């Protein structure tokens, strides 16, 4: 049986912030609060999965509940 797994789209915090059109500081706050999962790659580098960032976004207005 083939397992349908979504590949992680890991990007640096800087690139992820540009992708979501928010500041790096905002993403760091999300990570610190547990709202967004971060992945440590090496001793200093932290990456964020763009799929997780997409999942955080909610539609506003219209028929959004």
PDB file of N, CA and C in Angstrom:
ATOM      1  N   UNK A   1       0.830  -1.187   0.000  1.00  0.00           N
ATOM      2  CA  UNK A   1       0.000   0.000   0.000  1.00  0.00           C
ATOM      3  C   UNK A   1       0.872   1.247   0.000  1.00  0.00           C
ATOM      4  N   UNK A   2       0.561   2.155  -0.856  1.00  0.00           N
ATOM      5  CA  UNK A   2       1.305   3.405  -0.931  1.00  0.00           C
ATOM      6  C   UNK A   2       0.757   4.386   0.095  1.00  0.00           C
ATOM      7  N   UNK A   3       1.659   4.928   0.877  1.00  0.00           N
ATOM      8  CA  UNK A   3       1.266   5.896   1.899  1.00  0.00           C
ATOM      9  C   UNK A   3       1.349   7.298   1.314  1.00  0.00           C
ATOM     10  N   UNK A   4       0.273   8.039   1.410  1.00  0.00           N
ATOM     11  CA  UNK A   4       0.236   9.399   0.884  1.00  0.00           C
ATOM     12  C   UNK A   4       0.805  10.353   1.920  1.00  0.00           C
ATOM     13  N   UNK A   5       2.068  10.695   1.765  1.00  0.00           N
ATOM     14  CA  UNK A   5       2.730  11.583   2.718  1.00  0.00           C
ATOM     15  C   UNK A   5       3.090  12.890   2.018  1.00  0.00           C
ATOM     16  N   UNK A   6       2.842  13.972   2.709  1.00  0.00           N
ATOM     17  CA  UNK A   6       3.196  15.276   2.177  1.00  0.00           C
ATOM     18  C   UNK A   6       4.654  15.549   2.520  1.00  0.00           C
ATOM     19  N   UNK A   7       5.412  15.944   1.534  1.00  0.00           N
ATOM     20  CA  UNK A   7       6.811  16.256   1.771  1.00  0.00           C
ATOM     21  C   UNK A   7       6.934  17.583   2.509  1.00  0.00           C
ATOM     22  N   UNK A   8       7.892  17.643   3.407  1.00  0.00           N
ATOM     23  CA  UNK A   8       8.146  18.896   4.106  1.00  0.00           C
ATOM     24  C   UNK A   8       8.783  19.887   3.147  1.00  0.00           C
ATOM     25  N   UNK A   9       8.363  21.132   3.265  1.00  0.00           N
ATOM     26  CA  UNK A   9       8.961  22.215   2.476  1.00  0.00           C
ATOM     27  C   UNK A   9       9.679  23.130   3.458  1.00  0.00           C
ATOM     28  N   UNK A  10      10.861  22.715   3.896  1.00  0.00           N
ATOM     29  CA  UNK A  10      11.600  23.466   4.899  1.00  0.00           C
ATOM     30  C   UNK A  10      12.308  24.661   4.286  1.00  0.00           C
ATOM     31  N   UNK A  11      12.131  25.799   4.918  1.00  0.00           N
ATOM     32  CA  UNK A  11      12.792  27.043   4.498  1.00  0.00           C
ATOM     33  C   UNK A  11      13.286  27.772   5.738  1.00  0.00           C
ATOM     34  N   UNK A  12      14.235  28.659   5.537  1.00  0.00           N
ATOM     35  CA  UNK A  12      14.741  29.466   6.643  1.00  0.00           C
ATOM     36  C   UNK A  12      13.633  30.383   7.153  1.00  0.00           C
ATOM     37  N   UNK A  13      13.815  30.889   8.347  1.00  0.00           N
ATOM     38  CA  UNK A  13      12.815  31.789   8.921  1.00  0.00           C
ATOM     39  C   UNK A  13      12.668  33.033   8.061  1.00  0.00           C
ATOM     40  N   UNK A  14      13.755  33.519   7.507  1.00  0.00           N
ATOM     41  CA  UNK A  14      13.712  34.713   6.663  1.00  0.00           C
ATOM     42  C   UNK A  14      12.864  34.471   5.408  1.00  0.00           C
ATOM     43  N   UNK A  15      13.102  33.366   4.740  1.00  0.00           N
ATOM     44  CA  UNK A  15      12.350  33.041   3.533  1.00  0.00           C
ATOM     45  C   UNK A  15      10.882  32.786   3.878  1.00  0.00           C
ATOM     46  N   UNK A  16      10.633  32.078   4.982  1.00  0.00           N
ATOM     47  CA  UNK A  16       9.251  31.796   5.408  1.00  0.00           C
ATOM     48  C   UNK A  16       8.510  33.087   5.743  1.00  0.00           C
ATOM     49  N   UNK A  17       9.193  34.036   6.360  1.00  0.00           N
ATOM     50  CA  UNK A  17       8.567  35.320   6.686  1.00  0.00           C
ATOM     51  C   UNK A  17       8.188  36.069   5.412  1.00  0.00           C
ATOM     52  N   UNK A  18       9.068  36.059   4.426  1.00  0.00           N
ATOM     53  CA  UNK A  18       8.756  36.696   3.146  1.00  0.00           C
ATOM     54  C   UNK A  18       7.581  35.983   2.475  1.00  0.00           C
ATOM     55  N   UNK A  19       7.572  34.670   2.539  1.00  0.00           N
ATOM     56  CA  UNK A  19       6.502  33.870   1.936  1.00  0.00           C
ATOM     57  C   UNK A  19       5.139  34.236   2.532  1.00  0.00           C
ATOM     58  N   UNK A  20       5.101  34.390   3.866  1.00  0.00           N
ATOM     59  CA  UNK A  20       3.839  34.689   4.553  1.00  0.00           C
ATOM     60  C   UNK A  20       3.574  36.181   4.665  1.00  0.00           C
ATOM     61  N   UNK A  21       4.507  36.998   4.207  1.00  0.00           N
ATOM     62  CA  UNK A  21       4.394  38.453   4.273  1.00  0.00           C
ATOM     63  C   UNK A  21       4.216  38.940   5.719  1.00  0.00           C
ATOM     64  N   UNK A  22       5.046  38.374   6.598  1.00  0.00           N
ATOM     65  CA  UNK A  22       5.104  38.807   7.996  1.00  0.00           C
ATOM     66  C   UNK A  22       6.567  39.029   8.350  1.00  0.00           C
ATOM     67  N   UNK A  23       6.812  39.592   9.511  1.00  0.00           N
ATOM     68  CA  UNK A  23       8.197  39.835   9.917  1.00  0.00           C
ATOM     69  C   UNK A  23       8.818  38.559  10.493  1.00  0.00           C
ATOM     70  N   UNK A  24      10.133  38.525  10.481  1.00  0.00           N
ATOM     71  CA  UNK A  24      10.868  37.423  11.089  1.00  0.00           C
ATOM     72  C   UNK A  24      10.523  37.358  12.572  1.00  0.00           C
ATOM     73  N   UNK A  25      10.384  38.512  13.178  1.00  0.00           N
ATOM     74  CA  UNK A  25      10.040  38.582  14.602  1.00  0.00           C
ATOM     75  C   UNK A  25       8.688  37.916  14.883  1.00  0.00           C
ATOM     76  N   UNK A  26       7.726  38.115  14.000  1.00  0.00           N
ATOM     77  CA  UNK A  26       6.417  37.484  14.158  1.00  0.00           C
ATOM     78  C   UNK A  26       6.539  35.963  14.104  1.00  0.00           C
ATOM     79  N   UNK A  27       7.307  35.451  13.149  1.00  0.00           N
ATOM     80  CA  UNK A  27       7.488  33.998  13.066  1.00  0.00           C
ATOM     81  C   UNK A  27       8.178  33.464  14.303  1.00  0.00           C
ATOM     82  N   UNK A  28       9.162  34.190  14.808  1.00  0.00           N
ATOM     83  CA  UNK A  28       9.842  33.756  16.036  1.00  0.00           C
ATOM     84  C   UNK A  28       8.873  33.720  17.218  1.00  0.00           C
ATOM     85  N   UNK A  29       7.956  34.671  17.263  1.00  0.00           N
ATOM     86  CA  UNK A  29       6.922  34.661  18.314  1.00  0.00           C
ATOM     87  C   UNK A  29       6.019  33.446  18.177  1.00  0.00           C
ATOM     88  N   UNK A  30       5.608  33.136  16.937  1.00  0.00           N
ATOM     89  CA  UNK A  30       4.776  31.959  16.699  1.00  0.00           C
ATOM     90  C   UNK A  30       5.483  30.687  17.164  1.00  0.00           C
ATOM     91  N   UNK A  31       6.778  30.596  16.878  1.00  0.00           N
ATOM     92  CA  UNK A  31       7.561  29.426  17.270  1.00  0.00           C
ATOM     93  C   UNK A  31       7.659  29.350  18.794  1.00  0.00           C
ATOM     94  N   UNK A  32       7.967  30.469  19.435  1.00  0.00           N
ATOM     95  CA  UNK A  32       8.117  30.505  20.898  1.00  0.00           C
ATOM     96  C   UNK A  32       6.815  30.144  21.611  1.00  0.00           C
ATOM     97  N   UNK A  33       5.682  30.542  21.031  1.00  0.00           N
ATOM     98  CA  UNK A  33       4.389  30.269  21.663  1.00  0.00           C
ATOM     99  C   UNK A  33       3.871  28.864  21.365  1.00  0.00           C
ATOM    100  N   UNK A  34       4.538  28.148  20.450  1.00  0.00           N
ATOM    101  CA  UNK A  34       4.101  26.811  20.086  1.00  0.00           C
ATOM    102  C   UNK A  34       3.076  26.788  18.965  1.00  0.00           C
ATOM    103  N   UNK A  35       2.767  27.945  18.431  1.00  0.00           N
ATOM    104  CA  UNK A  35       1.794  28.050  17.345  1.00  0.00           C
ATOM    105  C   UNK A  35       2.348  27.506  16.028  1.00  0.00           C
ATOM    106  N   UNK A  36       3.667  27.532  15.876  1.00  0.00           N
ATOM    107  CA  UNK A  36       4.339  27.059  14.666  1.00  0.00           C
ATOM    108  C   UNK A  36       5.513  26.185  15.064  1.00  0.00           C
ATOM    109  N   UNK A  37       5.650  25.036  14.409  1.00  0.00           N
ATOM    110  CA  UNK A  37       6.751  24.119  14.689  1.00  0.00           C
ATOM    111  C   UNK A  37       7.976  24.533  13.882  1.00  0.00           C
ATOM    112  N   UNK A  38       9.123  24.528  14.539  1.00  0.00           N
ATOM    113  CA  UNK A  38      10.390  24.828  13.868  1.00  0.00           C
ATOM    114  C   UNK A  38      11.288  23.604  13.957  1.00  0.00           C
ATOM    115  N   UNK A  39      12.214  23.510  13.034  1.00  0.00           N
ATOM    116  CA  UNK A  39      13.139  22.382  12.971  1.00  0.00           C
ATOM    117  C   UNK A  39      14.560  22.906  13.008  1.00  0.00           C
ATOM    118  N   UNK A  40      15.357  22.381  13.939  1.00  0.00           N
ATOM    119  CA  UNK A  40      16.762  22.784  14.020  1.00  0.00           C
ATOM    120  C   UNK A  40      17.560  21.929  13.043  1.00  0.00           C
ATOM    121  N   UNK A  41      18.317  22.593  12.198  1.00  0.00           N
ATOM    122  CA  UNK A  41      19.163  21.937  11.209  1.00  0.00           C
ATOM    123  C   UNK A  41      20.587  22.386  11.504  1.00  0.00           C
ATOM    124  N   UNK A  42      21.339  21.568  12.195  1.00  0.00           N
ATOM    125  CA  UNK A  42      22.669  21.966  12.610  1.00  0.00           C
ATOM    126  C   UNK A  42      22.602  22.728  13.926  1.00  0.00           C
ATOM    127  N   UNK A  43      23.735  23.243  14.380  1.00  0.00           N
ATOM    128  CA  UNK A  43      23.783  23.877  15.704  1.00  0.00           C
ATOM    129  C   UNK A  43      23.043  25.212  15.797  1.00  0.00           C
ATOM    130  N   UNK A  44      22.885  25.941  14.698  1.00  0.00           N
ATOM    131  CA  UNK A  44      22.267  27.268  14.759  1.00  0.00           C
ATOM    132  C   UNK A  44      21.093  27.483  13.825  1.00  0.00           C
ATOM    133  N   UNK A  45      21.066  26.783  12.732  1.00  0.00           N
ATOM    134  CA  UNK A  45      20.071  27.028  11.686  1.00  0.00           C
ATOM    135  C   UNK A  45      18.712  26.451  12.076  1.00  0.00           C
ATOM    136  N   UNK A  46      17.682  27.286  11.978  1.00  0.00           N
ATOM    137  CA  UNK A  46      16.314  26.870  12.258  1.00  0.00           C
ATOM    138  C   UNK A  46      15.491  27.050  10.988  1.00  0.00           C
ATOM    139  N   UNK A  47      14.693  26.038  10.675  1.00  0.00           N
ATOM    140  CA  UNK A  47      13.853  26.085   9.482  1.00  0.00           C
ATOM    141  C   UNK A  47      12.400  25.877   9.865  1.00  0.00           C
ATOM    142  N   UNK A  48      11.519  26.328   8.967  1.00  0.00           N
ATOM    143  CA  UNK A  48      10.084  26.224   9.165  1.00  0.00           C
ATOM    144  C   UNK A  48       9.496  25.511   7.957  1.00  0.00           C
ATOM    145  N   UNK A  49       8.514  24.654   8.193  1.00  0.00           N
ATOM    146  CA  UNK A  49       7.838  23.954   7.105  1.00  0.00           C
ATOM    147  C   UNK A  49       6.751  24.878   6.541  1.00  0.00           C
ATOM    148  N   UNK A  50       6.849  25.211   5.265  1.00  0.00           N
ATOM    149  CA  UNK A  50       5.870  26.094   4.639  1.00  0.00           C
ATOM    150  C   UNK A  50       4.469  25.481   4.642  1.00  0.00           C
ATOM    151  N   UNK A  51       4.389  24.150   4.680  1.00  0.00           N
ATOM    152  CA  UNK A  51       3.078  23.499   4.781  1.00  0.00           C
ATOM    153  C   UNK A  51       2.412  23.848   6.112  1.00  0.00           C
ATOM    154  N   UNK A  52       3.195  23.884   7.194  1.00  0.00           N
ATOM    155  CA  UNK A  52       2.664  24.268   8.505  1.00  0.00           C
ATOM    156  C   UNK A  52       2.198  25.721   8.482  1.00  0.00           C
ATOM    157  N   UNK A  53       2.960  26.543   7.802  1.00  0.00           N
ATOM    158  CA  UNK A  53       2.605  27.961   7.690  1.00  0.00           C
ATOM    159  C   UNK A  53       1.306  28.123   6.904  1.00  0.00           C
ATOM    160  N   UNK A  54       1.166  27.368   5.811  1.00  0.00           N
ATOM    161  CA  UNK A  54      -0.073  27.390   5.031  1.00  0.00           C
ATOM    162  C   UNK A  54      -1.258  26.942   5.882  1.00  0.00           C
ATOM    163  N   UNK A  55      -1.052  25.921   6.710  1.00  0.00           N
ATOM    164  CA  UNK A  55      -2.130  25.386   7.543  1.00  0.00           C
ATOM    165  C   UNK A  55      -2.589  26.394   8.595  1.00  0.00           C
ATOM    166  N   UNK A  56      -1.715  27.291   9.002  1.00  0.00           N
ATOM    167  CA  UNK A  56      -2.065  28.305  10.002  1.00  0.00           C
ATOM    168  C   UNK A  56      -2.993  29.369   9.428  1.00  0.00           C
ATOM    169  N   UNK A  57      -2.900  29.596   8.146  1.00  0.00           N
ATOM    170  CA  UNK A  57      -3.654  30.681   7.530  1.00  0.00           C
ATOM    171  C   UNK A  57      -5.140  30.337   7.454  1.00  0.00           C
ATOM    172  N   UNK A  58      -5.966  31.336   7.728  1.00  0.00           N
ATOM    173  CA  UNK A  58      -7.418  31.159   7.664  1.00  0.00           C
ATOM    174  C   UNK A  58      -8.018  32.210   6.753  1.00  0.00           C
ATOM    175  N   UNK A  59      -9.043  31.828   6.061  1.00  0.00           N
ATOM    176  CA  UNK A  59      -9.751  32.747   5.195  1.00  0.00           C
ATOM    177  C   UNK A  59     -10.575  33.716   6.051  1.00  0.00           C
ATOM    178  N   UNK A  60     -10.595  34.968   5.659  1.00  0.00           N
ATOM    179  CA  UNK A  60     -11.327  35.994   6.415  1.00  0.00           C
ATOM    180  C   UNK A  60     -12.337  36.649   5.484  1.00  0.00           C
ATOM    181  N   UNK A  61     -13.531  36.892   6.014  1.00  0.00           N
ATOM    182  CA  UNK A  61     -14.567  37.554   5.235  1.00  0.00           C
ATOM    183  C   UNK A  61     -15.375  36.589   4.401  1.00  0.00           C
ATOM    184  N   UNK A  62     -16.337  37.129   3.702  1.00  0.00           N
ATOM    185  CA  UNK A  62     -17.190  36.285   2.861  1.00  0.00           C
ATOM    186  C   UNK A  62     -17.970  35.307   3.691  1.00  0.00           C
ATOM    187  N   UNK A  63     -17.904  34.041   3.327  1.00  0.00           N
ATOM    188  CA  UNK A  63     -18.642  33.021   4.062  1.00  0.00           C
ATOM    189  C   UNK A  63     -17.759  32.274   5.054  1.00  0.00           C
ATOM    190  N   UNK A  64     -16.596  32.845   5.398  1.00  0.00           N
ATOM    191  CA  UNK A  64     -15.707  32.222   6.370  1.00  0.00           C
ATOM    192  C   UNK A  64     -16.390  32.192   7.724  1.00  0.00           C
ATOM    193  N   UNK A  65     -16.274  31.057   8.383  1.00  0.00           N
ATOM    194  CA  UNK A  65     -16.932  30.934   9.692  1.00  0.00           C
ATOM    195  C   UNK A  65     -15.929  31.013  10.805  1.00  0.00           C
TER     196      UNK A  65
END
